[in-house]
């Protein structure tokens, strides 16, 4: 079995979740954890006593690191990733950057150094989205007419707006499913509470073939909402990532004129999306392939987010 050495930078909110899934992977071993917070480093040492810890990422040895995982504030992503792409593959927490120029430069650096650049878009690796991808490929329910997405959860972030925090999930899912960007974009963004970032956004997108997409993102919610409705000519698929088991429900009419829907619960992969992402990263490094993050995947996502 091949074991890949990992350095994890950032052990605050998302870092421990990444660490758990990395450690559960058969091919990864966390060797180094870096955080400039004494409290976070103490927690990391307790969770991973065999990993070496550092306060400064530039103190890391440059040898024997196969993957650097970056879970730090968005504004630091470019600087850290640009440094490590010189000698390691890199996985970055979303968003990759809020600057298209930075994204383009990191993609170029990745190609030049022959190192892979991955972004933590976990939901494109969910069993639900994989099922939808197959439905679209097979045209099982006819033409896709409309998509509605509702994504709400706290906490409020200080380093990026709600669009870059939550909307990035919707845009990455759309890019993965449709492999194209919208031709029209309209949005309304505002602050419900006093913060330096927009906490609520309503987004309307229009794609080729008259496909309409409506997205609501908000940090102002007492509960976590992750629901996407896919409306086809012959049925409606509702995806709820918060459901523990029945994440997908497929509704089809008994006839075109009938108001009554039949309900089907398809079998899907219920593995944690983040674990599926980590598994994809390990396979990509070992096999020297990266089919999802090729063809400017990150660039196109950033372009849409900038326009929103």
Protein backbone atom coordinates (compact mmCIF):
# COMPACT_ATOMS: atom_id res chain seq x y z
CA UNK A 1 0.00 0.00 0.00
CA UNK A 2 1.24 3.48 -0.91
CA UNK A 3 1.36 5.98 1.97
CA UNK A 4 1.38 9.70 1.17
CA UNK A 5 2.67 12.20 3.72
CA UNK A 6 0.41 15.15 4.52
CA UNK A 7 1.05 18.57 6.04
CA UNK A 8 -2.11 20.29 7.32
CA UNK A 9 -2.01 24.07 7.64
CA UNK A 10 -4.76 25.48 9.85
CA UNK A 11 -6.45 23.65 12.73
CA UNK A 12 -9.32 26.00 13.56
CA UNK A 13 -12.90 25.34 12.47
CA UNK A 14 -12.51 23.23 9.31
CA UNK A 15 -9.02 21.82 9.83
CA UNK A 16 -10.04 19.09 12.34
CA UNK A 17 -12.78 17.86 9.94
CA UNK A 18 -10.26 17.61 7.13
CA UNK A 19 -7.79 15.89 9.46
CA UNK A 20 -10.33 13.25 10.51
CA UNK A 21 -11.13 12.32 6.92
CA UNK A 22 -7.48 12.39 5.85
CA UNK A 23 -6.52 10.07 8.70
CA UNK A 24 -9.38 7.70 7.81
CA UNK A 25 -8.04 7.37 4.29
CA UNK A 26 -5.94 4.30 3.55
CA UNK A 27 -3.28 6.22 1.65
CA UNK A 28 -2.66 9.33 3.75
CA UNK A 29 -0.70 9.92 6.94
CA UNK A 30 -0.68 13.29 8.71
CA UNK A 31 2.96 14.08 9.45
CA UNK A 32 2.81 17.83 10.15
CA UNK A 33 0.23 20.27 11.52
CA UNK A 34 0.78 24.02 11.36
CA UNK A 35 -1.20 26.75 13.11
CA UNK A 36 -0.17 30.12 14.54
CA UNK A 37 -2.60 29.70 17.46
CA UNK A 38 -1.16 28.05 20.58
CA UNK A 39 -4.63 26.78 21.55
CA UNK A 40 -5.20 25.17 18.14
CA UNK A 41 -1.75 23.57 18.16
CA UNK A 42 -2.37 22.06 21.59
CA UNK A 43 -5.61 20.54 20.32
CA UNK A 44 -3.81 19.22 17.24
CA UNK A 45 -1.09 17.62 19.39
CA UNK A 46 -3.76 15.95 21.50
CA UNK A 47 -5.62 14.65 18.43
CA UNK A 48 -2.50 13.60 16.48
CA UNK A 49 0.36 13.02 18.96
CA UNK A 50 2.63 11.49 16.29
CA UNK A 51 2.42 14.51 13.99
CA UNK A 52 5.05 17.24 14.30
CA UNK A 53 3.67 20.73 14.91
CA UNK A 54 4.88 24.14 13.80
CA UNK A 55 3.66 27.72 14.14
CA UNK A 56 5.10 28.88 10.79
CA UNK A 57 4.52 26.94 7.57
CA UNK A 58 7.91 28.02 6.19
CA UNK A 59 9.56 26.01 8.98
CA UNK A 60 8.36 22.78 7.36
CA UNK A 61 10.94 20.56 5.65
CA UNK A 62 10.52 20.59 1.87
CA UNK A 63 11.28 16.90 1.47
CA UNK A 64 8.90 13.97 1.88
CA UNK A 65 5.66 15.98 1.74
CA UNK A 66 3.26 14.62 -0.85
CA UNK A 67 0.24 16.80 -0.11
CA UNK A 68 -0.23 20.13 1.67
CA UNK A 69 -3.78 20.80 2.88
CA UNK A 70 -4.60 24.48 3.44
CA UNK A 71 -7.42 25.41 5.83
CA UNK A 72 -6.68 29.05 6.59
CA UNK A 73 -8.47 32.40 6.00
CA UNK A 74 -9.24 33.00 2.32
CA UNK A 75 -6.93 35.99 2.02
CA UNK A 76 -3.93 33.75 2.84
CA UNK A 77 -4.69 31.02 0.28
CA UNK A 78 -2.71 32.40 -2.64
CA UNK A 79 0.49 33.11 -0.73
CA UNK A 80 0.57 29.71 1.00
CA UNK A 81 -0.45 27.67 -2.07
CA UNK A 82 1.99 29.52 -4.31
CA UNK A 83 4.79 28.62 -1.89
CA UNK A 84 3.98 24.92 -1.59
CA UNK A 85 3.24 24.24 -5.27
CA UNK A 86 7.00 24.47 -5.78
CA UNK A 87 7.43 21.02 -4.25
CA UNK A 88 4.05 19.49 -3.29
CA UNK A 89 0.51 18.81 -4.43
CA UNK A 90 -2.00 21.13 -2.74
CA UNK A 91 -5.60 20.84 -1.50
CA UNK A 92 -7.22 24.14 -0.47
CA UNK A 93 -10.39 24.85 1.45
CA UNK A 94 -12.93 26.70 -0.70
CA UNK A 95 -12.90 29.31 -2.06
CA UNK A 96 -9.55 28.90 -3.79
CA UNK A 97 -9.33 32.70 -3.91
CA UNK A 98 -11.70 35.64 -4.35
CA UNK A 99 -9.36 36.96 -7.06
CA UNK A 100 -9.56 35.52 -10.58
CA UNK A 101 -6.00 36.67 -11.20
CA UNK A 102 -4.76 34.63 -8.23
CA UNK A 103 -6.69 31.57 -9.39
CA UNK A 104 -5.23 31.80 -12.90
CA UNK A 105 -1.70 32.22 -11.51
CA UNK A 106 -2.07 29.22 -9.20
CA UNK A 107 -3.37 27.08 -12.06
CA UNK A 108 -0.36 28.13 -14.17
CA UNK A 109 2.02 27.39 -11.30
CA UNK A 110 0.44 23.97 -10.82
CA UNK A 111 0.94 23.12 -14.50
CA UNK A 112 4.48 24.48 -14.59
CA UNK A 113 5.62 22.57 -11.50
CA UNK A 114 3.65 19.44 -12.47
CA UNK A 115 1.86 19.50 -9.12
CA UNK A 116 -1.86 18.95 -8.70
CA UNK A 117 -4.12 21.65 -7.29
CA UNK A 118 -7.36 20.53 -5.64
CA UNK A 119 -10.12 22.61 -4.04
CA UNK A 120 -12.40 21.45 -1.25
CA UNK A 121 -15.78 21.39 -3.04
CA UNK A 122 -17.15 18.44 -1.05
CA UNK A 123 -20.69 18.31 -2.43
CA UNK A 124 -19.66 17.44 -5.99
CA UNK A 125 -18.45 14.19 -4.41
CA UNK A 126 -21.76 13.39 -2.69
CA UNK A 127 -23.78 10.36 -3.71
CA UNK A 128 -26.74 12.63 -4.45
CA UNK A 129 -24.89 14.78 -6.98
CA UNK A 130 -23.33 11.69 -8.59
CA UNK A 131 -26.86 10.32 -9.05
CA UNK A 132 -28.04 13.59 -10.64
CA UNK A 133 -25.01 13.53 -12.96
CA UNK A 134 -26.03 10.08 -14.21
CA UNK A 135 -29.67 11.15 -14.61
CA UNK A 136 -28.56 14.06 -16.81
CA UNK A 137 -26.27 11.81 -18.85
CA UNK A 138 -29.01 9.25 -19.45
CA UNK A 139 -31.75 11.90 -19.93
CA UNK A 140 -33.86 9.66 -17.69
CA UNK A 141 -36.51 12.29 -16.94
CA UNK A 142 -36.24 14.34 -20.10
CA UNK A 143 -35.01 17.91 -20.36
CA UNK A 144 -33.84 19.75 -17.24
CA UNK A 145 -36.02 22.86 -16.93
CA UNK A 146 -35.22 24.50 -13.61
CA UNK A 147 -33.02 24.25 -10.52
CA UNK A 148 -33.73 25.81 -7.12
CA UNK A 149 -31.13 25.75 -4.36
CA UNK A 150 -31.48 26.86 -0.74
CA UNK A 151 -28.28 26.91 1.29
CA UNK A 152 -28.39 28.52 4.73
CA UNK A 153 -26.17 28.11 7.76
CA UNK A 154 -24.11 30.00 10.31
CA UNK A 155 -21.53 31.14 11.33
CA UNK A 156 -20.92 34.52 9.71
CA UNK A 157 -17.46 34.74 8.18
CA UNK A 158 -15.20 37.78 8.26
CA UNK A 159 -12.91 36.94 5.33
CA UNK A 160 -15.45 36.42 2.51
CA UNK A 161 -19.10 37.14 1.67
CA UNK A 162 -21.89 34.57 1.84
CA UNK A 163 -21.60 34.07 -1.93
CA UNK A 164 -17.94 33.04 -1.67
CA UNK A 165 -18.67 30.93 1.42
CA UNK A 166 -21.94 29.15 0.56
CA UNK A 167 -22.62 30.13 -3.05
CA UNK A 168 -19.36 28.52 -4.10
CA UNK A 169 -20.97 25.14 -3.33
CA UNK A 170 -23.87 25.86 -5.68
CA UNK A 171 -21.68 27.18 -8.49
CA UNK A 172 -19.25 24.25 -8.22
CA UNK A 173 -22.19 21.80 -8.32
CA UNK A 174 -23.63 23.54 -11.39
CA UNK A 175 -20.27 23.52 -13.17
CA UNK A 176 -19.77 19.83 -12.34
CA UNK A 177 -23.26 18.84 -13.54
CA UNK A 178 -23.63 21.08 -16.59
CA UNK A 179 -20.01 21.65 -17.64
CA UNK A 180 -20.86 25.19 -18.75
CA UNK A 181 -21.33 28.63 -17.25
CA UNK A 182 -24.51 30.76 -17.26
CA UNK A 183 -25.13 33.27 -20.05
CA UNK A 184 -27.06 35.63 -17.75
CA UNK A 185 -26.46 36.47 -14.08
CA UNK A 186 -28.57 38.61 -11.76
CA UNK A 187 -28.20 38.91 -8.01
CA UNK A 188 -29.27 40.84 -4.93
CA UNK A 189 -26.94 40.86 -1.93
CA UNK A 190 -27.42 42.62 1.38
CA UNK A 191 -26.70 42.62 5.10
CA UNK A 192 -29.38 41.43 7.47
CA UNK A 193 -27.14 42.20 10.44
CA UNK A 194 -24.27 44.67 10.73
CA UNK A 195 -21.16 42.95 9.39
CA UNK A 196 -18.45 43.85 6.92
CA UNK A 197 -19.59 41.05 4.57
CA UNK A 198 -22.89 40.50 2.73
CA UNK A 199 -24.74 37.82 4.70
CA UNK A 200 -27.66 37.10 2.33
CA UNK A 201 -27.84 36.65 -1.45
CA UNK A 202 -30.53 35.85 -4.02
CA UNK A 203 -29.09 34.73 -7.35
CA UNK A 204 -30.79 34.13 -10.71
CA UNK A 205 -28.87 32.36 -13.47
CA UNK A 206 -29.88 31.50 -17.01
CA UNK A 207 -28.12 28.84 -19.07
CA UNK A 208 -28.41 27.68 -22.65
CA UNK A 209 -31.63 25.84 -23.61
CA UNK A 210 -33.58 28.20 -21.35
CA UNK A 211 -32.49 26.45 -18.13
CA UNK A 212 -33.30 28.70 -15.16
CA UNK A 213 -31.51 28.50 -11.79
CA UNK A 214 -32.51 30.22 -8.54
CA UNK A 215 -30.18 30.23 -5.53
CA UNK A 216 -30.63 31.56 -2.02
CA UNK A 217 -27.61 31.79 0.29
CA UNK A 218 -27.77 33.09 3.84
CA UNK A 219 -25.83 32.95 7.08
CA UNK A 220 -28.88 34.21 8.99
CA UNK A 221 -30.62 30.97 9.88
CA UNK A 222 -31.17 29.05 13.13
CA UNK A 223 -30.97 25.76 11.21
CA UNK A 224 -28.75 24.37 8.47
CA UNK A 225 -30.51 24.09 5.09
CA UNK A 226 -29.00 22.30 2.07
CA UNK A 227 -31.81 21.61 -0.38
CA UNK A 228 -31.68 21.53 -4.20
CA UNK A 229 -34.71 20.89 -6.44
CA UNK A 230 -34.13 19.66 -9.99
CA UNK A 231 -37.25 20.05 -12.18
CA UNK A 232 -37.32 17.89 -15.31
CA UNK A 233 -39.93 17.40 -18.04
CA UNK A 234 -40.94 14.07 -16.52
CA UNK A 235 -40.25 14.52 -12.83
CA UNK A 236 -38.76 16.42 -9.92
CA UNK A 237 -35.75 15.34 -7.85
CA UNK A 238 -35.29 16.86 -4.40
CA UNK A 239 -31.85 16.61 -2.82
CA UNK A 240 -31.51 17.29 0.91
CA UNK A 241 -27.93 16.78 2.08
CA UNK A 242 -28.99 17.16 5.72
CA UNK A 243 -31.08 13.98 5.59
CA UNK A 244 -29.09 11.12 7.14
CA UNK A 245 -30.41 8.37 4.82
CA UNK A 246 -33.14 9.51 2.40
CA UNK A 247 -31.15 12.31 0.80
CA UNK A 248 -32.85 11.99 -2.59
CA UNK A 249 -36.54 11.84 -3.41
CA UNK A 250 -37.73 11.40 -7.00
CA UNK A 251 -41.28 12.46 -7.87
CA UNK A 252 -42.84 11.46 -11.21
CA UNK A 253 -46.38 12.04 -12.48
CA UNK A 254 -48.58 9.05 -13.31
CA UNK A 255 -49.45 10.92 -16.52
CA UNK A 256 -48.77 14.36 -18.01
CA UNK A 257 -52.20 15.63 -16.98
CA UNK A 258 -52.18 14.04 -13.53
CA UNK A 259 -51.57 16.26 -10.47
CA UNK A 260 -50.56 13.17 -8.49
CA UNK A 261 -46.88 12.29 -8.11
CA UNK A 262 -45.32 8.90 -7.44
CA UNK A 263 -42.45 8.86 -4.94
CA UNK A 264 -39.26 6.87 -5.43
CA UNK A 265 -36.27 6.72 -3.06
CA UNK A 266 -33.21 5.76 -5.14
CA UNK A 267 -30.24 3.98 -3.62
CA UNK A 268 -27.17 6.22 -3.51
CA UNK A 269 -23.71 6.27 -1.98
CA UNK A 270 -24.14 7.62 1.57
CA UNK A 271 -20.42 8.06 2.27
CA UNK A 272 -19.41 11.43 3.68
CA UNK A 273 -18.72 13.77 0.71
CA UNK A 274 -15.56 15.12 2.34
CA UNK A 275 -14.19 11.58 2.70
CA UNK A 276 -15.01 10.92 -0.98
CA UNK A 277 -13.10 14.08 -1.90
CA UNK A 278 -10.06 12.97 0.11
CA UNK A 279 -10.21 9.54 -1.54
CA UNK A 280 -10.37 11.21 -4.95
CA UNK A 281 -7.28 13.30 -4.10
CA UNK A 282 -5.27 10.23 -3.06
CA UNK A 283 -6.28 8.32 -6.21
CA UNK A 284 -5.40 11.31 -8.39
CA UNK A 285 -1.93 11.67 -6.88
CA UNK A 286 -1.18 7.94 -7.09
CA UNK A 287 -2.52 7.55 -10.65
CA UNK A 288 -1.21 10.94 -11.83
CA UNK A 289 -4.63 12.04 -13.06
CA UNK A 290 -7.09 14.76 -12.10
CA UNK A 291 -10.20 14.49 -14.30
CA UNK A 292 -12.54 16.73 -12.27
CA UNK A 293 -10.22 19.68 -11.69
CA UNK A 294 -9.01 19.95 -15.27
CA UNK A 295 -10.08 22.28 -18.10
CA UNK A 296 -10.02 25.41 -15.94
CA UNK A 297 -12.67 24.11 -13.52
CA UNK A 298 -11.60 26.52 -10.76
CA UNK A 299 -11.20 29.43 -13.17
CA UNK A 300 -14.77 29.13 -14.47
CA UNK A 301 -16.21 28.90 -10.95
CA UNK A 302 -14.30 32.01 -9.86
CA UNK A 303 -15.45 33.91 -12.96
CA UNK A 304 -19.10 33.29 -12.11
CA UNK A 305 -18.63 34.17 -8.43
CA UNK A 306 -16.92 37.43 -9.36
CA UNK A 307 -19.84 38.41 -11.60
CA UNK A 308 -22.33 37.62 -8.84
